[in-house]
């Protein structure tokens, strides 16, 4: 019985700690709409459902080199988004990409 209680306690701790470090997609949605969509991407129609999860992921890997490359005028630095905020945006884009269960545009 003690082993079961110990196991359940450890499992609950892992779930709790993991949720603390998980990206906040709600914040990612707000930041994407305010700093990315409204400021720049509304005119070219880039929304979360514009690309697949794999394509979005490719922009955020390798220290975001691909993302920096397509933002040639230092828009990322000008936006002053923190690493945490960029991670939240990344998670939001992944969860609402073209091939996700809930593709999303920025309309409405």
N, C-alpha and C. Protein backbone atom coordinates (compact mmCIF):
# COMPACT_ATOMS: atom_id res chain seq x y z
N UNK A 1 0.82 -1.19 0.00
CA UNK A 1 0.00 0.00 0.00
C UNK A 1 0.87 1.26 0.00
N UNK A 2 1.96 1.24 0.76
CA UNK A 2 2.84 2.40 0.82
C UNK A 2 3.47 2.67 -0.55
N UNK A 3 3.78 1.60 -1.27
CA UNK A 3 4.36 1.76 -2.60
C UNK A 3 3.36 2.44 -3.54
N UNK A 4 2.10 2.07 -3.43
CA UNK A 4 1.07 2.67 -4.27
C UNK A 4 0.91 4.16 -3.96
N UNK A 5 0.87 4.49 -2.69
CA UNK A 5 0.75 5.90 -2.29
C UNK A 5 1.97 6.68 -2.77
N UNK A 6 3.14 6.11 -2.63
CA UNK A 6 4.38 6.74 -3.08
C UNK A 6 4.34 6.97 -4.59
N UNK A 7 3.93 5.95 -5.33
CA UNK A 7 3.86 6.03 -6.79
C UNK A 7 2.87 7.11 -7.23
N UNK A 8 1.70 7.12 -6.63
CA UNK A 8 0.68 8.12 -6.98
C UNK A 8 1.17 9.53 -6.64
N UNK A 9 1.85 9.67 -5.52
CA UNK A 9 2.38 10.98 -5.13
C UNK A 9 3.41 11.48 -6.14
N UNK A 10 4.30 10.60 -6.55
CA UNK A 10 5.32 10.96 -7.54
C UNK A 10 4.65 11.32 -8.87
N UNK A 11 3.67 10.54 -9.28
CA UNK A 11 2.97 10.79 -10.53
C UNK A 11 2.28 12.16 -10.50
N UNK A 12 1.63 12.48 -9.40
CA UNK A 12 0.97 13.78 -9.26
C UNK A 12 1.98 14.92 -9.29
N UNK A 13 3.11 14.72 -8.68
CA UNK A 13 4.16 15.74 -8.67
C UNK A 13 4.68 15.99 -10.08
N UNK A 14 4.90 14.93 -10.83
CA UNK A 14 5.39 15.05 -12.20
C UNK A 14 4.37 15.80 -13.06
N UNK A 15 3.10 15.46 -12.93
CA UNK A 15 2.06 16.14 -13.70
C UNK A 15 2.00 17.62 -13.33
N UNK A 16 2.08 17.93 -12.06
CA UNK A 16 2.04 19.31 -11.60
C UNK A 16 3.23 20.11 -12.12
N UNK A 17 4.41 19.58 -11.97
CA UNK A 17 5.62 20.29 -12.40
C UNK A 17 5.62 20.47 -13.91
N UNK A 18 5.20 19.45 -14.64
CA UNK A 18 5.14 19.54 -16.10
C UNK A 18 4.19 20.64 -16.53
N UNK A 19 3.05 20.75 -15.87
CA UNK A 19 2.09 21.79 -16.25
C UNK A 19 2.62 23.19 -15.95
N UNK A 20 3.48 23.32 -14.97
CA UNK A 20 4.07 24.62 -14.66
C UNK A 20 4.97 25.11 -15.79
N UNK A 21 5.65 24.18 -16.45
CA UNK A 21 6.59 24.55 -17.49
C UNK A 21 6.00 24.45 -18.90
N UNK A 22 4.76 24.07 -19.01
CA UNK A 22 4.13 23.95 -20.32
C UNK A 22 3.89 25.33 -20.91
N UNK A 23 3.93 25.39 -22.21
CA UNK A 23 3.68 26.66 -22.89
C UNK A 23 2.22 27.06 -22.71
N UNK A 24 1.98 28.33 -22.66
CA UNK A 24 0.65 28.88 -22.46
C UNK A 24 0.09 29.27 -23.83
N UNK A 25 -0.78 28.42 -24.39
CA UNK A 25 -1.29 28.69 -25.74
C UNK A 25 -2.22 29.89 -25.77
N UNK A 26 -2.93 30.15 -24.68
CA UNK A 26 -3.81 31.32 -24.64
C UNK A 26 -2.98 32.60 -24.78
N UNK A 27 -1.88 32.65 -24.04
CA UNK A 27 -0.99 33.81 -24.15
C UNK A 27 -0.36 33.85 -25.54
N UNK A 28 -0.01 32.68 -26.07
CA UNK A 28 0.56 32.61 -27.41
C UNK A 28 -0.39 33.16 -28.46
N UNK A 29 -1.67 32.86 -28.30
CA UNK A 29 -2.69 33.37 -29.22
C UNK A 29 -2.75 34.89 -29.15
N UNK A 30 -2.79 35.43 -27.93
CA UNK A 30 -2.83 36.89 -27.76
C UNK A 30 -1.60 37.56 -28.37
N UNK A 31 -0.43 37.01 -28.06
CA UNK A 31 0.82 37.60 -28.55
C UNK A 31 0.92 37.51 -30.07
N UNK A 32 0.52 36.36 -30.64
CA UNK A 32 0.56 36.22 -32.10
C UNK A 32 -0.34 37.25 -32.76
N UNK A 33 -1.57 37.37 -32.25
CA UNK A 33 -2.51 38.31 -32.86
C UNK A 33 -2.03 39.75 -32.74
N UNK A 34 -1.52 40.11 -31.57
CA UNK A 34 -1.09 41.50 -31.33
C UNK A 34 0.23 41.82 -32.03
N UNK A 35 1.23 40.96 -31.86
CA UNK A 35 2.58 41.28 -32.31
C UNK A 35 2.92 40.76 -33.70
N UNK A 36 2.23 39.77 -34.17
CA UNK A 36 2.56 39.19 -35.47
C UNK A 36 1.47 39.50 -36.50
N UNK A 37 0.25 39.10 -36.18
CA UNK A 37 -0.83 39.22 -37.16
C UNK A 37 -1.22 40.68 -37.40
N UNK A 38 -1.57 41.40 -36.35
CA UNK A 38 -2.02 42.79 -36.52
C UNK A 38 -0.92 43.69 -37.05
N UNK A 39 0.31 43.47 -36.59
CA UNK A 39 1.41 44.35 -36.98
C UNK A 39 1.92 44.08 -38.40
N UNK A 40 1.91 42.82 -38.84
CA UNK A 40 2.54 42.50 -40.13
C UNK A 40 1.74 41.52 -40.99
N UNK A 41 1.36 40.39 -40.42
CA UNK A 41 0.90 39.27 -41.23
C UNK A 41 -0.55 39.33 -41.67
N UNK A 42 -1.29 40.32 -41.21
CA UNK A 42 -2.67 40.46 -41.67
C UNK A 42 -2.70 40.74 -43.17
N UNK A 43 -1.76 41.57 -43.63
CA UNK A 43 -1.75 41.95 -45.06
C UNK A 43 -1.41 40.77 -45.97
N UNK A 44 -0.58 39.84 -45.50
CA UNK A 44 -0.26 38.68 -46.34
C UNK A 44 -1.05 37.43 -45.94
N UNK A 45 -1.95 37.58 -44.98
CA UNK A 45 -2.87 36.50 -44.63
C UNK A 45 -2.25 35.30 -43.93
N UNK A 46 -1.12 35.47 -43.27
CA UNK A 46 -0.51 34.34 -42.56
C UNK A 46 -1.19 34.16 -41.21
N UNK A 47 -1.79 33.00 -41.04
CA UNK A 47 -2.49 32.63 -39.81
C UNK A 47 -1.95 31.27 -39.36
N UNK A 48 -2.35 30.79 -38.18
CA UNK A 48 -1.88 29.47 -37.74
C UNK A 48 -2.17 28.36 -38.75
N UNK A 49 -3.31 28.45 -39.43
CA UNK A 49 -3.66 27.39 -40.39
C UNK A 49 -3.02 27.58 -41.76
N UNK A 50 -2.12 28.54 -41.88
CA UNK A 50 -1.42 28.73 -43.15
C UNK A 50 -0.41 27.62 -43.43
N UNK A 51 0.13 27.02 -42.37
CA UNK A 51 1.16 26.00 -42.51
C UNK A 51 0.86 24.78 -41.65
N UNK A 52 1.51 23.68 -41.99
CA UNK A 52 1.40 22.46 -41.18
C UNK A 52 2.23 22.63 -39.91
N UNK A 53 2.00 21.74 -38.95
CA UNK A 53 2.77 21.78 -37.70
C UNK A 53 4.26 21.61 -37.98
N UNK A 54 4.61 20.73 -38.91
CA UNK A 54 6.02 20.51 -39.23
C UNK A 54 6.67 21.78 -39.78
N UNK A 55 5.95 22.49 -40.62
CA UNK A 55 6.50 23.73 -41.19
C UNK A 55 6.66 24.79 -40.10
N UNK A 56 5.62 24.95 -39.24
CA UNK A 56 5.75 25.90 -38.14
C UNK A 56 6.92 25.53 -37.25
N UNK A 57 7.05 24.25 -36.96
CA UNK A 57 8.13 23.79 -36.08
C UNK A 57 9.49 24.11 -36.68
N UNK A 58 9.59 24.01 -38.00
CA UNK A 58 10.88 24.29 -38.65
C UNK A 58 11.31 25.75 -38.46
N UNK A 59 10.36 26.65 -38.29
CA UNK A 59 10.70 28.06 -38.06
C UNK A 59 11.26 28.29 -36.66
N UNK A 60 10.88 27.44 -35.71
CA UNK A 60 11.27 27.67 -34.32
C UNK A 60 12.43 26.80 -33.85
N UNK A 61 12.95 25.91 -34.69
CA UNK A 61 14.08 25.08 -34.31
C UNK A 61 15.39 25.79 -34.66
N UNK A 62 16.50 25.22 -34.19
CA UNK A 62 17.84 25.78 -34.46
C UNK A 62 17.94 27.26 -34.12
N UNK A 63 17.52 27.58 -32.90
CA UNK A 63 17.59 28.96 -32.40
C UNK A 63 16.80 29.93 -33.29
N UNK A 64 15.73 29.42 -33.88
CA UNK A 64 14.81 30.20 -34.73
C UNK A 64 15.50 30.84 -35.93
N UNK A 65 16.52 30.17 -36.46
CA UNK A 65 17.26 30.72 -37.60
C UNK A 65 16.35 30.98 -38.80
N UNK A 66 15.46 30.05 -39.11
CA UNK A 66 14.58 30.22 -40.27
C UNK A 66 13.61 31.38 -40.03
N UNK A 67 13.11 31.50 -38.81
CA UNK A 67 12.20 32.59 -38.46
C UNK A 67 12.91 33.94 -38.59
N UNK A 68 14.14 33.99 -38.12
CA UNK A 68 14.92 35.22 -38.23
C UNK A 68 15.23 35.56 -39.69
N UNK A 69 15.44 34.51 -40.50
CA UNK A 69 15.79 34.72 -41.91
C UNK A 69 14.62 35.35 -42.68
N UNK A 70 13.39 34.93 -42.38
CA UNK A 70 12.24 35.49 -43.11
C UNK A 70 11.83 36.86 -42.58
N UNK A 71 12.31 37.22 -41.41
CA UNK A 71 12.07 38.55 -40.84
C UNK A 71 13.35 39.37 -41.03
N UNK A 72 13.58 39.78 -42.25
CA UNK A 72 14.84 40.41 -42.65
C UNK A 72 15.09 41.78 -42.01
N UNK A 73 14.04 42.45 -41.60
CA UNK A 73 14.19 43.80 -41.04
C UNK A 73 14.19 43.81 -39.52
N UNK A 74 14.62 42.71 -38.93
CA UNK A 74 14.72 42.58 -37.46
C UNK A 74 13.39 42.78 -36.74
N UNK A 75 12.31 42.35 -37.34
CA UNK A 75 11.00 42.49 -36.70
C UNK A 75 10.92 41.73 -35.38
N UNK A 76 11.62 40.60 -35.30
CA UNK A 76 11.59 39.83 -34.05
C UNK A 76 12.20 40.62 -32.90
N UNK A 77 13.32 41.25 -33.15
CA UNK A 77 13.96 42.05 -32.11
C UNK A 77 13.12 43.28 -31.77
N UNK A 78 12.53 43.88 -32.78
CA UNK A 78 11.71 45.08 -32.57
C UNK A 78 10.46 44.76 -31.75
N UNK A 79 9.94 43.54 -31.88
CA UNK A 79 8.73 43.15 -31.15
C UNK A 79 8.99 43.00 -29.66
N UNK A 80 10.26 42.81 -29.29
CA UNK A 80 10.67 42.66 -27.89
C UNK A 80 9.94 41.52 -27.17
N UNK A 81 9.64 40.45 -27.92
CA UNK A 81 9.03 39.27 -27.33
C UNK A 81 10.09 38.47 -26.60
N UNK A 82 9.75 37.99 -25.42
CA UNK A 82 10.69 37.18 -24.64
C UNK A 82 10.74 35.77 -25.22
N UNK A 83 11.70 35.00 -24.78
CA UNK A 83 11.81 33.60 -25.20
C UNK A 83 10.55 32.84 -24.80
N UNK A 84 10.06 33.10 -23.60
CA UNK A 84 8.83 32.44 -23.13
C UNK A 84 7.64 32.80 -24.02
N UNK A 85 7.52 34.06 -24.39
CA UNK A 85 6.42 34.48 -25.25
C UNK A 85 6.54 33.85 -26.63
N UNK A 86 7.75 33.75 -27.16
CA UNK A 86 7.95 33.08 -28.45
C UNK A 86 7.61 31.59 -28.35
N UNK A 87 7.94 30.97 -27.22
CA UNK A 87 7.57 29.56 -27.02
C UNK A 87 6.06 29.41 -26.96
N UNK A 88 5.38 30.35 -26.33
CA UNK A 88 3.92 30.32 -26.27
C UNK A 88 3.32 30.47 -27.67
N UNK A 89 3.88 31.37 -28.47
CA UNK A 89 3.41 31.54 -29.85
C UNK A 89 3.65 30.26 -30.64
N UNK A 90 4.82 29.67 -30.48
CA UNK A 90 5.15 28.41 -31.16
C UNK A 90 4.11 27.34 -30.81
N UNK A 91 3.81 27.18 -29.53
CA UNK A 91 2.84 26.18 -29.10
C UNK A 91 1.46 26.47 -29.69
N UNK A 92 1.05 27.73 -29.68
CA UNK A 92 -0.24 28.12 -30.26
C UNK A 92 -0.29 27.77 -31.75
N UNK A 93 0.76 28.10 -32.48
CA UNK A 93 0.79 27.80 -33.92
C UNK A 93 0.75 26.30 -34.18
N UNK A 94 1.44 25.53 -33.36
CA UNK A 94 1.45 24.07 -33.51
C UNK A 94 0.06 23.48 -33.26
N UNK A 95 -0.61 23.97 -32.23
CA UNK A 95 -1.93 23.43 -31.87
C UNK A 95 -3.04 23.84 -32.82
N UNK A 96 -2.80 24.87 -33.62
CA UNK A 96 -3.84 25.36 -34.54
C UNK A 96 -3.36 25.41 -35.98
N UNK A 97 -2.38 24.58 -36.30
CA UNK A 97 -1.83 24.52 -37.66
C UNK A 97 -2.82 23.87 -38.62
N UNK A 98 -2.49 23.89 -39.88
CA UNK A 98 -3.35 23.35 -40.93
C UNK A 98 -3.71 21.89 -40.68
N UNK A 99 -2.77 21.09 -40.21
CA UNK A 99 -3.01 19.66 -40.01
C UNK A 99 -3.37 19.30 -38.56
N UNK A 100 -3.74 20.28 -37.76
CA UNK A 100 -4.11 20.01 -36.37
C UNK A 100 -5.58 19.63 -36.27
N UNK A 101 -6.00 19.28 -35.07
CA UNK A 101 -7.41 18.95 -34.84
C UNK A 101 -8.28 20.20 -34.83
N UNK A 102 -7.66 21.36 -34.60
CA UNK A 102 -8.42 22.61 -34.51
C UNK A 102 -7.72 23.73 -35.28
N UNK A 103 -7.67 23.64 -36.63
CA UNK A 103 -7.03 24.71 -37.39
C UNK A 103 -7.73 26.04 -37.11
N UNK A 104 -6.96 27.10 -37.09
CA UNK A 104 -7.54 28.39 -36.72
C UNK A 104 -7.00 29.49 -37.61
N UNK A 105 -7.90 30.39 -37.97
CA UNK A 105 -7.49 31.61 -38.66
C UNK A 105 -7.58 32.73 -37.64
N UNK A 106 -7.29 33.91 -38.02
CA UNK A 106 -7.35 35.05 -37.08
C UNK A 106 -8.61 35.86 -37.29
N UNK A 107 -9.55 35.33 -38.02
CA UNK A 107 -10.81 36.04 -38.25
C UNK A 107 -11.70 35.91 -37.03
N UNK A 108 -12.38 36.97 -36.71
CA UNK A 108 -13.35 36.94 -35.62
C UNK A 108 -12.83 37.01 -34.26
